[in-house]
N, C-alpha and C. Protein backbone atom coordinates (compact mmCIF):
# COMPACT_ATOMS: atom_id res chain seq x y z
N MET A 1 3.96 122.25 54.08
CA MET A 1 4.56 121.42 55.62
C MET A 1 3.96 122.50 56.74
N ASN A 2 3.15 122.05 57.55
CA ASN A 2 2.51 122.54 59.10
C ASN A 2 3.27 123.28 59.50
N ALA A 3 2.95 124.54 59.75
CA ALA A 3 3.83 125.38 61.10
C ALA A 3 4.00 124.64 62.46
N THR A 4 5.02 124.64 63.19
CA THR A 4 5.24 124.25 64.62
C THR A 4 3.84 125.30 65.52
N PRO A 5 3.13 124.86 66.03
CA PRO A 5 2.31 125.87 67.46
C PRO A 5 3.11 126.45 68.14
N LEU A 6 3.10 127.79 68.62
CA LEU A 6 3.66 128.35 69.52
C LEU A 6 3.26 128.00 71.39
N LEU A 7 3.38 127.55 72.42
CA LEU A 7 2.93 127.58 73.23
C LEU A 7 3.66 128.52 74.37
N PHE A 8 2.99 129.43 74.73
CA PHE A 8 3.18 130.94 75.57
C PHE A 8 3.69 129.98 76.99
N PRO A 9 4.68 130.25 77.11
CA PRO A 9 5.33 130.51 78.92
C PRO A 9 4.28 130.75 80.10
N GLY A 10 3.41 130.25 81.06
CA GLY A 10 2.74 130.74 82.00
C GLY A 10 1.05 130.96 81.05
N SER A 11 1.03 130.11 80.07
CA SER A 11 -0.52 130.63 79.79
C SER A 11 -1.06 129.32 78.94
N ASP A 12 -2.62 129.27 78.99
CA ASP A 12 -2.85 128.27 78.14
C ASP A 12 -3.46 128.26 76.62
N ASN A 13 -2.59 129.25 76.09
CA ASN A 13 -2.72 129.10 74.48
C ASN A 13 -1.79 128.76 73.56
N THR A 14 -1.97 128.48 72.37
CA THR A 14 -0.98 128.13 71.66
C THR A 14 -1.52 128.87 70.14
N VAL A 15 -0.79 128.73 69.04
CA VAL A 15 -1.16 129.66 67.85
C VAL A 15 0.23 129.53 66.94
N ASP A 16 -0.26 129.30 65.97
CA ASP A 16 0.74 128.98 64.83
C ASP A 16 1.17 130.28 64.43
N ASP A 17 2.95 129.58 64.33
CA ASP A 17 3.19 130.67 63.78
C ASP A 17 3.84 130.95 62.88
N SER A 18 2.46 130.70 61.98
CA SER A 18 3.08 131.16 60.30
C SER A 18 2.30 132.41 60.53
N LEU A 19 1.75 132.76 61.03
CA LEU A 19 0.89 134.64 61.16
C LEU A 19 2.44 135.33 61.36
N PHE A 20 3.26 134.82 62.41
CA PHE A 20 4.32 135.59 62.68
C PHE A 20 5.48 135.75 61.70
N ALA A 21 5.52 134.84 60.75
CA ALA A 21 6.31 135.03 59.37
C ALA A 21 5.56 135.51 58.52
N ARG A 22 4.27 135.30 58.69
CA ARG A 22 3.56 136.67 57.31
C ARG A 22 3.82 138.28 58.06
N ILE A 23 3.81 138.29 59.05
CA ILE A 23 4.33 139.59 59.28
C ILE A 23 5.85 140.13 59.04
N ALA A 24 6.34 139.47 59.50
CA ALA A 24 7.70 139.33 59.11
C ALA A 24 7.95 139.99 57.50
N ASP A 25 7.19 138.93 56.70
CA ASP A 25 7.42 139.31 55.23
C ASP A 25 7.12 140.62 54.97
N ASP A 26 5.67 140.89 55.18
CA ASP A 26 5.40 141.80 55.24
C ASP A 26 6.27 142.86 55.20
N LEU A 27 6.77 143.24 56.82
CA LEU A 27 7.62 144.43 57.12
C LEU A 27 8.62 144.39 55.88
N LEU A 28 9.14 142.89 56.13
CA LEU A 28 10.81 143.29 55.02
C LEU A 28 10.20 143.92 53.68
N ASN A 29 9.31 143.42 53.47
CA ASN A 29 8.76 143.74 51.98
C ASN A 29 8.14 144.84 51.94
N GLN A 30 7.35 145.48 52.75
CA GLN A 30 6.79 146.69 52.43
C GLN A 30 6.67 147.77 53.94
N GLY A 31 6.88 147.22 54.80
CA GLY A 31 6.79 148.31 55.93
C GLY A 31 5.91 148.26 57.01
N TYR A 32 5.11 147.50 56.41
CA TYR A 32 3.80 147.16 57.10
C TYR A 32 3.05 145.90 57.10
N SER A 33 2.30 145.59 57.96
CA SER A 33 1.19 144.50 57.70
C SER A 33 -0.10 144.67 58.16
N ILE A 34 -1.26 144.19 57.24
CA ILE A 34 -2.67 144.38 57.69
C ILE A 34 -2.63 142.98 57.79
N CYS A 35 -3.37 142.37 58.67
CA CYS A 35 -3.47 141.23 59.03
C CYS A 35 -5.69 141.03 59.08
N PRO A 36 -6.04 140.94 58.70
CA PRO A 36 -7.59 141.05 58.88
C PRO A 36 -8.13 139.53 60.13
N ALA A 37 -8.36 140.18 60.71
CA ALA A 37 -9.05 138.86 61.83
C ALA A 37 -8.46 137.98 62.19
N ALA A 38 -6.64 138.09 62.11
CA ALA A 38 -5.87 137.22 62.28
C ALA A 38 -5.45 137.20 64.07
N LEU A 39 -5.79 138.02 64.74
CA LEU A 39 -5.52 137.81 66.30
C LEU A 39 -5.75 136.46 66.96
N PRO A 40 -5.66 135.03 67.29
CA PRO A 40 -6.29 134.07 67.53
C PRO A 40 -7.26 134.46 68.56
N ASP A 41 -8.84 133.82 68.24
CA ASP A 41 -9.59 133.95 69.36
C ASP A 41 -9.60 133.78 70.60
N GLU A 42 -8.79 132.93 71.04
CA GLU A 42 -8.69 132.65 72.28
C GLU A 42 -7.43 133.66 73.64
N ILE A 43 -6.91 134.54 72.22
CA ILE A 43 -6.42 136.24 72.71
C ILE A 43 -6.98 137.06 72.57
N ALA A 44 -8.03 137.31 71.52
CA ALA A 44 -8.58 138.54 71.41
C ALA A 44 -10.33 138.73 72.38
N LEU A 45 -11.09 137.12 72.29
CA LEU A 45 -11.86 137.44 72.90
C LEU A 45 -11.75 137.65 74.36
N PRO A 46 -11.01 137.10 75.45
CA PRO A 46 -10.96 137.55 76.53
C PRO A 46 -10.67 138.82 76.64
N LEU A 47 -9.59 139.62 76.03
CA LEU A 47 -9.16 140.89 75.71
C LEU A 47 -10.45 141.76 75.86
N TYR A 48 -11.55 141.40 74.83
CA TYR A 48 -12.64 141.86 74.55
C TYR A 48 -13.49 142.02 75.89
N GLN A 49 -13.88 140.73 76.14
CA GLN A 49 -14.68 140.80 77.49
C GLN A 49 -13.82 141.47 78.48
N HIS A 50 -12.39 142.00 79.00
CA HIS A 50 -12.17 142.77 79.87
C HIS A 50 -11.81 144.09 79.33
N GLN A 51 -11.83 144.24 78.15
CA GLN A 51 -12.33 145.57 78.13
C GLN A 51 -13.62 146.42 78.41
N GLN A 52 -14.49 145.67 78.00
CA GLN A 52 -16.05 145.89 78.32
C GLN A 52 -16.26 145.96 79.94
N GLU A 53 -15.50 145.14 80.83
CA GLU A 53 -15.81 145.36 82.23
C GLU A 53 -15.02 146.38 82.64
N LEU A 54 -13.95 147.07 82.02
CA LEU A 54 -13.53 148.03 82.78
C LEU A 54 -14.52 149.14 83.04
N ASP A 55 -14.13 149.98 84.31
CA ASP A 55 -14.94 151.34 84.65
C ASP A 55 -14.40 152.50 83.97
N ASP A 56 -15.49 153.08 83.70
CA ASP A 56 -15.10 154.11 83.41
C ASP A 56 -13.49 155.11 84.06
N GLU A 57 -13.47 155.07 85.10
CA GLU A 57 -12.77 155.60 85.67
C GLU A 57 -11.27 155.02 85.77
N LYS A 58 -11.07 153.59 84.85
CA LYS A 58 -10.20 153.57 85.05
C LYS A 58 -9.48 154.47 83.38
N TYR A 59 -10.23 154.72 82.85
CA TYR A 59 -9.63 155.21 81.60
C TYR A 59 -9.24 156.74 81.75
N THR A 60 -8.17 157.10 81.28
CA THR A 60 -7.89 158.95 81.03
C THR A 60 -8.03 159.22 79.90
N ARG A 61 -8.22 160.64 79.50
CA ARG A 61 -8.01 160.95 78.12
C ARG A 61 -6.81 161.32 77.56
N ALA A 62 -6.55 160.43 76.51
CA ALA A 62 -5.51 160.38 75.85
C ALA A 62 -4.58 161.21 75.96
N GLY A 63 -3.43 161.53 75.45
CA GLY A 63 -2.55 162.94 74.80
C GLY A 63 -1.59 162.19 74.15
N ILE A 64 -0.42 163.62 73.79
CA ILE A 64 0.23 163.45 73.36
C ILE A 64 1.98 163.51 73.78
N GLY A 65 3.19 162.82 73.34
CA GLY A 65 4.20 162.75 74.52
C GLY A 65 4.19 161.91 75.00
N ARG A 66 5.32 162.09 75.76
CA ARG A 66 5.66 161.40 77.38
C ARG A 66 6.28 161.85 78.23
N GLY A 67 6.04 161.62 79.57
CA GLY A 67 7.11 162.29 80.42
C GLY A 67 6.57 163.69 80.46
N ASP A 68 7.72 164.52 80.58
CA ASP A 68 7.34 166.20 81.07
C ASP A 68 6.94 166.78 79.45
N ASP A 69 7.22 165.68 78.58
CA ASP A 69 6.71 166.43 76.83
C ASP A 69 4.88 166.13 77.09
N PHE A 70 4.26 165.78 77.94
CA PHE A 70 3.04 165.18 77.43
C PHE A 70 2.19 166.42 77.80
N HIS A 71 1.02 166.53 77.14
CA HIS A 71 0.09 167.06 76.63
C HIS A 71 -1.28 166.63 76.33
N LYS A 72 -2.17 167.23 76.19
CA LYS A 72 -3.42 166.76 75.91
C LYS A 72 -3.85 167.90 75.14
N ASN A 73 -4.52 167.21 73.82
CA ASN A 73 -5.14 168.46 72.65
C ASN A 73 -6.05 167.69 71.93
N LYS A 74 -7.27 168.16 72.50
CA LYS A 74 -8.55 167.60 71.27
C LYS A 74 -8.83 167.89 70.11
N PHE A 75 -7.57 168.76 69.90
CA PHE A 75 -7.96 168.91 68.52
C PHE A 75 -7.13 167.48 67.54
N VAL A 76 -6.01 167.02 67.82
CA VAL A 76 -5.37 165.84 67.71
C VAL A 76 -5.78 164.74 68.02
N ARG A 77 -6.76 164.38 69.14
CA ARG A 77 -6.94 163.50 69.60
C ARG A 77 -8.32 163.18 70.60
N THR A 78 -9.50 162.60 70.39
CA THR A 78 -10.43 162.77 71.33
C THR A 78 -10.79 161.41 71.69
N ASP A 79 -9.27 160.21 72.09
CA ASP A 79 -9.87 158.89 72.33
C ASP A 79 -9.73 159.13 74.08
N GLU A 80 -9.87 157.53 74.49
CA GLU A 80 -9.66 157.81 76.21
C GLU A 80 -8.77 156.08 76.18
N ILE A 81 -7.87 155.87 77.15
CA ILE A 81 -6.69 154.94 77.05
C ILE A 81 -6.99 154.32 78.65
N CYS A 82 -6.42 152.92 78.62
CA CYS A 82 -6.15 152.49 79.91
C CYS A 82 -4.97 151.09 79.60
N TRP A 83 -4.05 151.65 80.72
CA TRP A 83 -2.59 150.94 80.15
C TRP A 83 -2.68 149.04 80.64
N ILE A 84 -2.26 148.58 79.88
CA ILE A 84 -2.36 147.17 79.96
C ILE A 84 -0.81 147.09 80.85
N ASN A 85 -1.54 146.40 82.20
CA ASN A 85 -0.27 145.99 82.72
C ASN A 85 0.37 144.16 83.48
N GLY A 86 -0.92 143.77 82.58
CA GLY A 86 -0.62 142.16 82.72
C GLY A 86 -0.96 141.92 84.12
N GLU A 87 -2.20 142.13 84.88
CA GLU A 87 -2.65 142.18 85.93
C GLU A 87 -3.78 140.91 85.57
N SER A 88 -4.27 141.39 84.49
CA SER A 88 -5.68 140.47 84.48
C SER A 88 -5.08 139.18 83.46
N HIS A 89 -5.62 138.18 83.36
CA HIS A 89 -5.37 136.98 82.83
C HIS A 89 -5.29 137.11 81.11
N ALA A 90 -6.56 137.96 80.93
CA ALA A 90 -6.31 138.77 79.85
C ALA A 90 -5.39 139.19 79.09
N GLY A 91 -4.86 140.40 79.86
CA GLY A 91 -3.80 140.99 79.58
C GLY A 91 -2.66 140.40 79.63
N LYS A 92 -2.59 139.04 80.67
CA LYS A 92 -0.95 138.49 80.70
C LYS A 92 -1.01 137.52 79.22
N ASN A 93 -2.24 137.22 78.91
CA ASN A 93 -1.62 136.41 77.76
C ASN A 93 -1.13 137.25 76.33
N TRP A 94 -1.75 138.49 76.47
CA TRP A 94 -1.74 139.43 75.26
C TRP A 94 -0.14 139.46 75.47
N LEU A 95 0.29 139.92 76.57
CA LEU A 95 1.35 140.21 76.70
C LEU A 95 2.42 139.67 76.58
N ASN A 96 2.24 137.82 76.66
CA ASN A 96 3.20 136.63 76.34
C ASN A 96 3.15 136.64 74.79
N TRP A 97 1.77 136.78 73.97
CA TRP A 97 1.58 136.81 72.52
C TRP A 97 2.72 137.98 71.84
N THR A 98 2.43 139.13 72.40
CA THR A 98 3.65 140.16 72.01
C THR A 98 4.88 140.10 72.16
N ASN A 99 5.33 139.42 73.21
CA ASN A 99 6.52 138.87 73.14
C ASN A 99 7.19 137.45 72.52
N GLU A 100 6.23 136.69 72.20
CA GLU A 100 6.66 135.50 71.49
C GLU A 100 6.96 136.69 69.74
N LEU A 101 5.69 137.59 69.63
CA LEU A 101 6.06 138.24 68.45
C LEU A 101 7.30 138.94 68.05
N LYS A 102 7.75 139.32 69.76
CA LYS A 102 9.34 139.92 69.40
C LYS A 102 9.94 139.36 69.44
N ARG A 103 10.30 138.49 69.72
CA ARG A 103 11.20 137.49 69.66
C ARG A 103 11.16 136.99 68.28
N HIS A 104 10.29 136.57 67.56
CA HIS A 104 10.21 136.48 66.31
C HIS A 104 10.70 137.32 65.49
N LEU A 105 10.11 138.53 65.50
CA LEU A 105 10.92 139.57 64.58
C LEU A 105 12.20 139.79 64.73
N ASN A 106 12.46 139.99 65.84
CA ASN A 106 14.50 140.29 66.16
C ASN A 106 14.63 139.19 65.54
N ARG A 107 14.38 137.61 65.71
CA ARG A 107 15.28 136.36 65.23
C ARG A 107 15.43 136.74 63.28
N ARG A 108 14.11 136.96 63.17
CA ARG A 108 13.68 137.30 61.58
C ARG A 108 14.64 138.44 60.73
N LEU A 109 14.21 139.21 61.65
CA LEU A 109 14.61 141.09 61.11
C LEU A 109 15.64 141.72 61.87
N PHE A 110 16.11 140.89 62.84
CA PHE A 110 17.63 141.47 63.66
C PHE A 110 16.80 143.25 63.87
N LEU A 111 15.79 143.43 64.57
CA LEU A 111 15.59 144.74 64.83
C LEU A 111 16.00 145.13 66.22
N GLY A 112 16.18 144.33 66.93
CA GLY A 112 16.99 144.53 68.51
C GLY A 112 15.71 145.22 69.12
N LEU A 113 14.58 144.58 69.00
CA LEU A 113 13.74 145.22 70.02
C LEU A 113 13.58 145.01 70.97
N PHE A 114 13.34 145.75 72.10
CA PHE A 114 13.94 145.82 73.87
C PHE A 114 12.32 145.38 74.38
N SER A 115 11.78 145.97 74.37
CA SER A 115 10.45 146.18 75.41
C SER A 115 8.97 146.61 74.41
N PHE A 116 8.14 146.41 75.29
CA PHE A 116 6.67 146.33 74.34
C PHE A 116 5.69 147.27 75.62
N GLU A 117 4.63 148.57 75.22
CA GLU A 117 4.22 149.01 75.56
C GLU A 117 2.82 149.22 75.01
N SER A 118 1.65 148.80 75.88
CA SER A 118 0.49 148.75 74.85
C SER A 118 -0.84 149.26 76.07
N HIS A 119 -2.22 149.67 75.35
CA HIS A 119 -3.36 150.27 76.34
C HIS A 119 -4.33 150.39 75.35
N PHE A 120 -5.25 149.98 76.41
CA PHE A 120 -6.75 149.83 75.69
C PHE A 120 -6.97 151.52 75.27
N ALA A 121 -7.73 151.31 74.08
CA ALA A 121 -8.01 152.75 73.66
C ALA A 121 -9.65 152.86 73.28
N HIS A 122 -10.54 153.37 73.80
CA HIS A 122 -11.69 153.44 73.38
C HIS A 122 -12.32 154.99 72.86
N TYR A 123 -12.96 154.79 71.51
CA TYR A 123 -13.11 155.71 70.61
C TYR A 123 -14.72 156.16 70.77
N ARG A 124 -14.93 157.11 71.54
CA ARG A 124 -16.58 157.52 71.58
C ARG A 124 -17.24 157.71 70.27
N PRO A 125 -18.56 157.74 70.21
CA PRO A 125 -19.11 157.80 68.86
C PRO A 125 -18.33 159.28 68.25
N GLY A 126 -18.11 159.62 67.15
CA GLY A 126 -17.48 160.92 66.87
C GLY A 126 -16.14 161.39 67.33
N ASN A 127 -15.29 160.49 67.77
CA ASN A 127 -13.94 160.48 68.56
C ASN A 127 -13.00 160.21 67.25
N TYR A 128 -11.92 160.87 67.42
CA TYR A 128 -10.75 160.83 66.20
C TYR A 128 -9.57 160.77 66.67
N TYR A 129 -8.59 160.53 65.90
CA TYR A 129 -6.75 161.07 65.75
C TYR A 129 -6.45 161.29 64.68
N LYS A 130 -6.25 162.45 64.73
CA LYS A 130 -5.76 163.06 63.30
C LYS A 130 -4.40 162.81 63.09
N ARG A 131 -4.09 162.66 61.89
CA ARG A 131 -2.83 162.30 60.92
C ARG A 131 -1.42 162.58 62.04
N HIS A 132 -0.70 161.72 61.98
CA HIS A 132 0.52 161.65 62.84
C HIS A 132 1.42 160.96 62.66
N TYR A 133 2.43 160.69 63.21
CA TYR A 133 3.67 159.92 63.23
C TYR A 133 3.60 159.27 64.48
N ASP A 134 3.48 157.95 65.12
CA ASP A 134 3.93 157.14 66.25
C ASP A 134 5.59 157.54 66.72
N ALA A 135 6.24 157.90 65.90
CA ALA A 135 7.68 158.33 66.30
C ALA A 135 8.43 159.24 65.37
N PHE A 136 9.33 159.89 65.73
CA PHE A 136 9.96 161.46 64.67
C PHE A 136 11.71 160.51 64.55
N LYS A 137 11.88 160.49 63.28
CA LYS A 137 13.03 159.99 62.56
C LYS A 137 14.57 160.67 63.35
N GLY A 138 14.93 159.45 63.95
CA GLY A 138 16.28 159.96 64.52
C GLY A 138 16.39 159.67 66.19
N GLU A 139 14.87 159.39 66.64
CA GLU A 139 14.58 159.68 68.29
C GLU A 139 14.94 158.29 69.18
N ALA A 140 14.95 156.90 67.76
CA ALA A 140 15.10 155.76 68.42
C ALA A 140 14.29 155.24 69.85
N ASN A 141 13.11 155.35 69.39
CA ASN A 141 12.53 155.23 70.84
C ASN A 141 11.18 153.98 70.00
N ARG A 142 10.20 154.44 69.51
CA ARG A 142 9.13 153.63 69.07
C ARG A 142 9.77 153.16 67.65
N ILE A 143 9.94 151.37 67.51
CA ILE A 143 10.37 151.21 66.49
C ILE A 143 9.19 150.49 65.28
N LEU A 144 8.28 149.54 66.16
CA LEU A 144 7.07 149.13 65.76
C LEU A 144 5.95 149.53 66.29
N SER A 145 4.65 150.22 65.94
CA SER A 145 3.51 150.16 66.13
C SER A 145 2.78 148.87 66.10
N LEU A 146 1.73 148.85 66.66
CA LEU A 146 0.91 147.59 66.97
C LEU A 146 -0.48 147.81 67.14
N VAL A 147 -1.52 147.72 66.29
CA VAL A 147 -2.89 147.96 66.79
C VAL A 147 -3.44 146.77 66.48
N ALA A 148 -4.55 146.26 67.40
CA ALA A 148 -5.32 145.22 67.27
C ALA A 148 -6.79 145.74 67.77
N TYR A 149 -7.69 145.44 66.53
CA TYR A 149 -9.16 145.69 66.63
C TYR A 149 -9.80 144.55 67.67
N LEU A 150 -10.88 145.21 68.46
CA LEU A 150 -11.77 144.53 69.58
C LEU A 150 -13.33 144.86 69.31
N ASN A 151 -13.35 144.55 67.82
CA ASN A 151 -15.19 145.12 67.69
C ASN A 151 -16.05 144.18 66.97
N PRO A 152 -16.52 143.33 67.53
CA PRO A 152 -17.14 142.07 66.73
C PRO A 152 -18.41 143.13 65.89
N GLY A 153 -18.73 142.51 64.70
CA GLY A 153 -19.98 142.69 63.88
C GLY A 153 -19.86 144.16 63.32
N TRP A 154 -18.19 144.73 63.13
CA TRP A 154 -18.34 145.85 62.99
C TRP A 154 -18.49 145.82 61.55
N CYS A 155 -19.23 146.62 60.91
CA CYS A 155 -19.73 147.04 59.43
C CYS A 155 -18.76 148.41 58.37
N ASN A 156 -18.83 148.21 57.66
CA ASN A 156 -18.70 149.57 56.95
C ASN A 156 -19.22 150.80 57.17
N GLU A 157 -20.20 150.78 57.49
CA GLU A 157 -20.99 151.97 57.70
C GLU A 157 -20.86 152.32 58.86
N ASP A 158 -20.16 151.75 59.82
CA ASP A 158 -19.61 152.09 61.16
C ASP A 158 -18.47 153.21 61.66
N GLY A 159 -17.74 153.23 60.42
CA GLY A 159 -16.64 153.87 59.66
C GLY A 159 -15.35 153.56 61.00
N GLY A 160 -14.89 154.64 61.70
CA GLY A 160 -13.45 154.41 62.64
C GLY A 160 -12.53 153.90 61.93
N GLU A 161 -12.47 153.90 60.39
CA GLU A 161 -11.00 153.09 59.98
C GLU A 161 -9.62 153.92 60.61
N LEU A 162 -8.98 152.87 60.76
CA LEU A 162 -7.31 153.25 60.15
C LEU A 162 -6.93 153.78 59.16
N VAL A 163 -6.46 154.77 58.85
CA VAL A 163 -5.63 155.58 57.47
C VAL A 163 -4.41 155.74 57.57
N LEU A 164 -3.76 154.24 57.11
CA LEU A 164 -2.13 154.34 57.06
C LEU A 164 -1.74 154.63 55.75
N TYR A 165 -1.25 156.04 55.74
CA TYR A 165 -0.48 156.43 54.21
C TYR A 165 0.86 156.10 54.53
N GLN A 166 1.20 155.98 53.00
CA GLN A 166 2.34 155.61 52.31
C GLN A 166 3.86 156.68 53.12
N ASN A 167 3.73 157.74 52.71
CA ASN A 167 4.69 158.84 52.85
C ASN A 167 3.49 159.90 53.00
N GLU A 168 4.59 161.43 53.37
CA GLU A 168 3.92 162.80 53.53
C GLU A 168 2.80 162.96 51.72
N SER A 169 3.38 162.83 51.19
CA SER A 169 2.52 163.00 49.79
C SER A 169 1.49 162.14 49.46
N ASP A 170 1.12 160.83 50.03
CA ASP A 170 0.38 160.60 49.87
C ASP A 170 -1.68 161.04 50.67
N MET A 171 -2.28 161.11 49.98
CA MET A 171 -3.47 161.51 50.49
C MET A 171 -4.71 160.73 50.28
N GLU A 172 -4.68 159.47 50.11
CA GLU A 172 -5.04 158.60 50.04
C GLU A 172 -5.42 157.52 51.36
N GLY A 173 -4.45 156.82 51.00
CA GLY A 173 -3.66 156.13 52.45
C GLY A 173 -4.71 154.61 51.90
N ILE A 174 -4.45 153.96 53.14
CA ILE A 174 -4.68 152.21 52.81
C ILE A 174 -6.07 152.64 54.24
N LYS A 175 -7.31 152.13 53.89
CA LYS A 175 -7.91 151.88 55.22
C LYS A 175 -8.22 150.38 55.55
N VAL A 176 -8.33 150.21 57.22
CA VAL A 176 -8.25 149.21 58.01
C VAL A 176 -9.84 149.08 58.68
N ILE A 177 -10.58 148.02 58.67
CA ILE A 177 -12.02 148.34 59.04
C ILE A 177 -11.44 147.84 60.63
N PRO A 178 -11.46 148.53 61.25
CA PRO A 178 -11.45 148.00 62.37
C PRO A 178 -12.26 146.87 63.29
N LEU A 179 -12.18 145.58 62.07
CA LEU A 179 -12.89 144.02 62.66
C LEU A 179 -12.44 143.58 64.08
N MET A 180 -13.39 142.89 64.47
CA MET A 180 -12.78 142.05 65.69
C MET A 180 -11.39 140.93 65.47
N GLY A 181 -10.43 141.44 66.24
CA GLY A 181 -8.97 140.63 65.36
C GLY A 181 -8.08 140.78 64.87
N THR A 182 -8.74 142.19 64.02
CA THR A 182 -8.03 142.48 62.78
C THR A 182 -6.65 143.06 63.47
N LEU A 183 -5.16 143.06 63.29
CA LEU A 183 -3.88 143.46 63.04
C LEU A 183 -3.20 144.56 62.00
N ALA A 184 -2.86 145.40 62.88
CA ALA A 184 -2.27 146.53 61.74
C ALA A 184 -0.65 146.61 62.83
N ILE A 185 0.00 146.30 61.74
CA ILE A 185 1.56 146.61 62.25
C ILE A 185 2.35 147.06 61.32
N PHE A 186 3.28 148.28 61.93
CA PHE A 186 4.15 148.89 60.97
C PHE A 186 5.32 149.54 61.53
N LEU A 187 6.48 150.36 60.66
CA LEU A 187 7.42 150.61 61.42
C LEU A 187 6.82 152.09 61.74
N SER A 188 7.32 152.27 63.01
CA SER A 188 6.69 153.58 63.67
C SER A 188 7.22 154.95 63.07
N GLU A 189 8.25 155.09 62.81
CA GLU A 189 8.73 156.21 61.86
C GLU A 189 8.50 156.72 60.70
N GLU A 190 7.89 155.62 59.37
CA GLU A 190 7.55 155.96 58.35
C GLU A 190 6.32 155.87 57.86
N PHE A 191 5.28 156.02 58.76
CA PHE A 191 3.81 155.69 58.35
C PHE A 191 3.11 156.84 59.15
N PRO A 192 2.62 157.91 58.07
CA PRO A 192 1.86 158.93 59.29
C PRO A 192 0.63 157.89 58.65
N HIS A 193 -0.30 158.29 59.86
CA HIS A 193 -1.76 157.41 59.66
C HIS A 193 -2.73 158.29 61.03
N GLU A 194 -3.92 157.90 60.56
CA GLU A 194 -5.07 158.60 61.25
C GLU A 194 -6.36 157.86 61.66
N VAL A 195 -6.93 158.27 62.71
CA VAL A 195 -8.62 157.21 63.10
C VAL A 195 -9.36 158.01 62.55
N LEU A 196 -10.38 157.53 61.87
CA LEU A 196 -11.40 158.09 61.35
C LEU A 196 -12.34 158.52 62.37
N PRO A 197 -13.17 159.01 62.89
CA PRO A 197 -14.49 159.09 63.58
C PRO A 197 -15.66 157.86 63.03
N ALA A 198 -15.97 157.33 64.12
CA ALA A 198 -17.06 156.49 64.05
C ALA A 198 -18.06 156.78 64.49
N ASN A 199 -19.23 155.75 64.12
CA ASN A 199 -20.60 156.18 64.35
C ASN A 199 -21.09 155.21 65.39
N ARG A 200 -19.71 154.46 66.05
CA ARG A 200 -20.04 153.36 67.35
C ARG A 200 -19.29 153.42 68.05
N ASP A 201 -19.06 153.01 69.33
CA ASP A 201 -18.19 153.02 70.18
C ASP A 201 -17.11 152.11 69.61
N ARG A 202 -15.75 151.89 69.51
CA ARG A 202 -15.07 151.51 68.75
C ARG A 202 -13.41 151.14 69.59
N TYR A 203 -13.63 150.04 69.84
CA TYR A 203 -12.13 149.69 70.71
C TYR A 203 -11.28 148.55 70.32
N SER A 204 -10.16 149.25 70.56
CA SER A 204 -8.33 148.63 70.23
C SER A 204 -7.89 148.67 71.32
N ILE A 205 -6.69 148.16 71.13
CA ILE A 205 -5.04 148.06 71.66
C ILE A 205 -4.48 148.72 70.89
N ALA A 206 -3.35 149.78 71.37
CA ALA A 206 -2.67 150.06 70.58
C ALA A 206 -1.12 150.10 71.41
N GLY A 207 0.02 149.27 70.98
CA GLY A 207 1.00 149.35 71.33
C GLY A 207 2.45 149.36 70.40
N TRP A 208 3.43 149.21 71.13
CA TRP A 208 4.95 150.02 70.56
C TRP A 208 5.90 148.96 71.11
N PHE A 209 6.71 148.22 70.09
CA PHE A 209 7.89 147.95 70.29
C PHE A 209 9.10 148.61 70.35
N ARG A 210 9.86 148.83 71.72
CA ARG A 210 11.09 150.34 71.80
C ARG A 210 12.09 149.10 71.88
N LEU A 211 13.23 150.05 71.13
CA LEU A 211 14.44 149.81 71.78
C LEU A 211 15.07 150.22 73.21
N ASN A 212 15.99 149.98 73.50
CA ASN A 212 16.58 149.73 74.98
C ASN A 212 17.67 151.02 74.69
N THR A 213 16.93 152.14 75.25
CA THR A 213 17.50 153.35 75.24
C THR A 213 17.42 154.32 76.82
N SER A 214 17.81 153.10 77.67
CA SER A 214 17.86 153.87 79.27
C SER A 214 19.48 153.79 79.22
N VAL A 215 19.53 155.27 79.79
CA VAL A 215 21.15 155.72 79.96
C VAL A 215 21.20 156.11 81.34
N GLY A 216 22.64 155.56 81.91
CA GLY A 216 22.63 155.22 83.64
C GLY A 216 21.51 154.83 84.33
N ASN A 217 20.91 156.20 85.26
CA ASN A 217 19.77 155.33 86.24
C ASN A 217 18.43 155.45 85.45
N LYS A 218 18.31 156.60 84.44
CA LYS A 218 17.27 156.99 83.91
C LYS A 218 16.61 155.34 82.80
N ILE A 219 15.73 154.60 83.29
CA ILE A 219 14.84 153.58 82.79
C ILE A 219 13.78 153.97 81.73
N ASP A 220 14.01 153.47 80.55
CA ASP A 220 13.34 154.05 79.16
C ASP A 220 12.81 152.63 78.84
N PRO A 221 11.62 152.41 78.92
CA PRO A 221 10.51 153.37 79.16
C PRO A 221 9.96 153.80 80.40
N PRO A 222 9.65 154.49 81.10
CA PRO A 222 9.16 154.57 82.13
C PRO A 222 7.63 154.94 82.69
N LEU A 223 7.25 153.29 82.60
CA LEU A 223 5.75 153.00 82.70
C LEU A 223 5.57 153.42 83.99
């Protein structure tokens, strides 16, 4: 039986929701999902083109932490980022797509996902991101991490793999080649991971689905 395509409000894109079902099954069974070349071309290609057209001044050196705890540490990471706010057509379609994914996962897995934030990431040759978690247990902020890769013609020799570790004692990990349209989604508190240095410019989107942890008049996340 064929899955029903999704139509995003305010968008000219359609996509088969069987991908969302696959992601939900993977998260339920193993806590992560790796989907090679799965992001629809009508989403991925405009994002790639838009990222290539971004001026260098749009990027900022990536750091660690949020708000008052934010700091930059070249030992941990050396990439550059540019937040996606939906002003571009490509960015708007991306946010519509992730919103539909959020709705599907909430309906299927009862995760209570409330908001999503994401940014373009540019790793120049030799850049890296050391082993880390996207969230710490008990903080109830980032619940799911989502990475989408925007690198046409990427080869094994180009390096730059994401390494997803099963736990603290795992020293081998699962390597994900950052090929165009590949998606990696995992529980933010459960899986340490790192980005290995690449031999060419490496482009991606990193995003996080979050709970609503707003208290009083303090809005979270403070984008």
